[in-house]
């Protein structure tokens, strides 16, 4: 598997990798924002809050 990361001027980071799946070579491109809108900690807190809200609805 080959991998490469490139930064574009449009505020995004592209990660391109080549992998083999079921005997075929495929190219996968992942695109991420350069500046994250939320930290991983913020995302985790939001997920916990959502789970708590859903738990209250089911109870």
N, C-alpha and C. Protein backbone atom coordinates (compact mmCIF):
# COMPACT_ATOMS: atom_id res chain seq x y z
N UNK A 1 0.84 -1.17 0.00
CA UNK A 1 0.00 0.00 0.00
C UNK A 1 0.90 1.23 0.00
N UNK A 2 0.62 2.17 -0.89
CA UNK A 2 1.36 3.42 -0.96
C UNK A 2 0.49 4.52 -0.38
N UNK A 3 1.13 5.57 0.14
CA UNK A 3 0.38 6.64 0.78
C UNK A 3 1.07 7.97 0.51
N UNK A 4 0.28 9.03 0.36
CA UNK A 4 0.83 10.37 0.16
C UNK A 4 -0.16 11.39 0.69
N UNK A 5 0.35 12.44 1.32
CA UNK A 5 -0.52 13.51 1.81
C UNK A 5 -0.13 14.80 1.11
N UNK A 6 -1.12 15.56 0.67
CA UNK A 6 -0.88 16.83 -0.02
C UNK A 6 -1.77 17.90 0.59
N UNK A 7 -1.23 19.11 0.66
CA UNK A 7 -2.02 20.24 1.14
C UNK A 7 -2.35 21.12 -0.05
N UNK A 8 -3.62 21.43 -0.18
CA UNK A 8 -4.09 22.30 -1.26
C UNK A 8 -4.24 23.72 -0.72
N UNK A 9 -4.23 24.70 -1.59
CA UNK A 9 -4.40 26.08 -1.20
C UNK A 9 -5.81 26.40 -0.76
N UNK A 10 -6.74 25.48 -0.95
CA UNK A 10 -8.14 25.74 -0.63
C UNK A 10 -8.49 25.41 0.82
N UNK A 11 -7.48 25.22 1.68
CA UNK A 11 -7.77 24.96 3.08
C UNK A 11 -8.08 23.52 3.39
N UNK A 12 -7.59 22.61 2.57
CA UNK A 12 -7.87 21.20 2.81
C UNK A 12 -6.59 20.37 2.68
N UNK A 13 -6.58 19.24 3.31
CA UNK A 13 -5.49 18.28 3.21
C UNK A 13 -6.06 17.02 2.57
N UNK A 14 -5.42 16.56 1.53
CA UNK A 14 -5.85 15.34 0.83
C UNK A 14 -4.85 14.23 1.13
N UNK A 15 -5.37 13.10 1.52
CA UNK A 15 -4.52 11.93 1.78
C UNK A 15 -4.91 10.87 0.77
N UNK A 16 -3.98 10.52 -0.10
CA UNK A 16 -4.23 9.55 -1.16
C UNK A 16 -3.47 8.27 -0.87
N UNK A 17 -4.16 7.15 -0.98
CA UNK A 17 -3.48 5.88 -0.80
C UNK A 17 -3.99 4.87 -1.82
N UNK A 18 -3.13 3.94 -2.16
CA UNK A 18 -3.48 2.88 -3.09
C UNK A 18 -3.50 1.57 -2.31
N UNK A 19 -4.54 0.79 -2.48
CA UNK A 19 -4.62 -0.48 -1.78
C UNK A 19 -5.21 -1.55 -2.70
N UNK A 20 -5.04 -2.78 -2.30
CA UNK A 20 -5.56 -3.90 -3.07
C UNK A 20 -6.77 -4.46 -2.34
N UNK A 21 -7.87 -4.60 -3.04
CA UNK A 21 -9.10 -5.13 -2.48
C UNK A 21 -9.68 -6.15 -3.44
N UNK A 22 -9.82 -7.39 -2.99
CA UNK A 22 -10.37 -8.47 -3.81
C UNK A 22 -9.62 -8.61 -5.14
N UNK A 23 -8.30 -8.46 -5.08
CA UNK A 23 -7.47 -8.63 -6.26
C UNK A 23 -7.43 -7.43 -7.19
N UNK A 24 -8.08 -6.35 -6.81
CA UNK A 24 -8.08 -5.13 -7.63
C UNK A 24 -7.34 -4.02 -6.90
N UNK A 25 -6.64 -3.20 -7.66
CA UNK A 25 -5.95 -2.05 -7.10
C UNK A 25 -6.92 -0.87 -7.13
N UNK A 26 -7.14 -0.25 -5.97
CA UNK A 26 -8.03 0.91 -5.91
C UNK A 26 -7.28 2.07 -5.28
N UNK A 27 -7.67 3.27 -5.65
CA UNK A 27 -7.09 4.48 -5.08
C UNK A 27 -8.14 5.13 -4.19
N UNK A 28 -7.76 5.41 -2.94
CA UNK A 28 -8.66 6.02 -1.97
C UNK A 28 -8.14 7.43 -1.67
N UNK A 29 -9.02 8.42 -1.74
CA UNK A 29 -8.65 9.80 -1.45
C UNK A 29 -9.51 10.28 -0.28
N UNK A 30 -8.85 10.67 0.82
CA UNK A 30 -9.54 11.24 1.97
C UNK A 30 -9.24 12.73 2.00
N UNK A 31 -10.25 13.55 2.26
CA UNK A 31 -10.09 15.00 2.28
C UNK A 31 -10.48 15.50 3.67
N UNK A 32 -9.58 16.28 4.28
CA UNK A 32 -9.81 16.82 5.61
C UNK A 32 -9.58 18.32 5.60
N UNK A 33 -10.29 19.09 6.44
CA UNK A 33 -10.02 20.52 6.54
C UNK A 33 -8.67 20.75 7.23
N UNK A 34 -7.96 21.79 6.80
CA UNK A 34 -6.67 22.11 7.43
C UNK A 34 -6.86 22.50 8.89
N UNK A 35 -7.84 23.32 9.13
CA UNK A 35 -8.15 23.77 10.48
C UNK A 35 -9.42 23.08 10.96
N UNK A 36 -9.29 22.27 11.99
CA UNK A 36 -10.46 21.57 12.52
C UNK A 36 -11.40 22.57 13.18
N UNK A 37 -12.69 22.37 12.97
CA UNK A 37 -13.68 23.25 13.59
C UNK A 37 -13.86 22.93 15.06
N UNK A 38 -13.71 21.65 15.41
CA UNK A 38 -13.81 21.21 16.80
C UNK A 38 -12.64 20.29 17.11
N UNK A 39 -12.22 20.31 18.35
CA UNK A 39 -11.16 19.40 18.78
C UNK A 39 -11.76 18.01 18.99
N UNK A 40 -10.94 16.99 18.98
CA UNK A 40 -11.46 15.65 19.28
C UNK A 40 -12.17 15.59 20.63
N UNK A 41 -11.67 16.34 21.60
CA UNK A 41 -12.31 16.37 22.92
C UNK A 41 -13.72 16.98 22.83
N UNK A 42 -13.88 18.05 22.06
CA UNK A 42 -15.19 18.66 21.87
C UNK A 42 -16.17 17.69 21.21
N UNK A 43 -15.69 16.94 20.22
CA UNK A 43 -16.53 15.97 19.53
C UNK A 43 -16.97 14.86 20.47
N UNK A 44 -16.05 14.40 21.33
CA UNK A 44 -16.38 13.35 22.28
C UNK A 44 -17.41 13.83 23.30
N UNK A 45 -17.24 15.06 23.79
CA UNK A 45 -18.21 15.62 24.73
C UNK A 45 -19.60 15.74 24.10
N UNK A 46 -19.65 16.15 22.85
CA UNK A 46 -20.93 16.26 22.15
C UNK A 46 -21.58 14.89 22.00
N UNK A 47 -20.79 13.87 21.72
CA UNK A 47 -21.31 12.52 21.59
C UNK A 47 -21.88 12.02 22.92
N UNK A 48 -21.18 12.27 24.01
CA UNK A 48 -21.66 11.87 25.34
C UNK A 48 -22.96 12.60 25.65
N UNK A 49 -23.03 13.89 25.37
CA UNK A 49 -24.25 14.66 25.61
C UNK A 49 -25.42 14.09 24.81
N UNK A 50 -25.18 13.74 23.57
CA UNK A 50 -26.22 13.18 22.72
C UNK A 50 -26.71 11.85 23.27
N UNK A 51 -25.78 10.99 23.71
CA UNK A 51 -26.16 9.71 24.28
C UNK A 51 -26.97 9.89 25.56
N UNK A 52 -26.62 10.87 26.38
CA UNK A 52 -27.39 11.14 27.59
C UNK A 52 -28.79 11.62 27.25
N UNK A 53 -28.92 12.47 26.25
CA UNK A 53 -30.24 12.96 25.83
C UNK A 53 -31.09 11.82 25.31
N UNK A 54 -30.49 10.94 24.51
CA UNK A 54 -31.24 9.81 23.95
C UNK A 54 -31.65 8.84 25.06
N UNK A 55 -30.81 8.69 26.05
CA UNK A 55 -31.15 7.82 27.19
C UNK A 55 -32.34 8.34 27.96
N UNK A 56 -32.43 9.67 28.10
CA UNK A 56 -33.55 10.27 28.81
C UNK A 56 -34.84 10.10 28.02
N UNK A 57 -34.75 10.11 26.69
CA UNK A 57 -35.95 9.94 25.87
C UNK A 57 -36.48 8.51 25.96
N UNK A 58 -35.58 7.54 26.13
CA UNK A 58 -35.99 6.14 26.17
C UNK A 58 -36.50 5.74 27.55
N UNK A 59 -36.09 6.46 28.59
CA UNK A 59 -36.46 6.06 29.95
C UNK A 59 -37.87 6.45 30.31
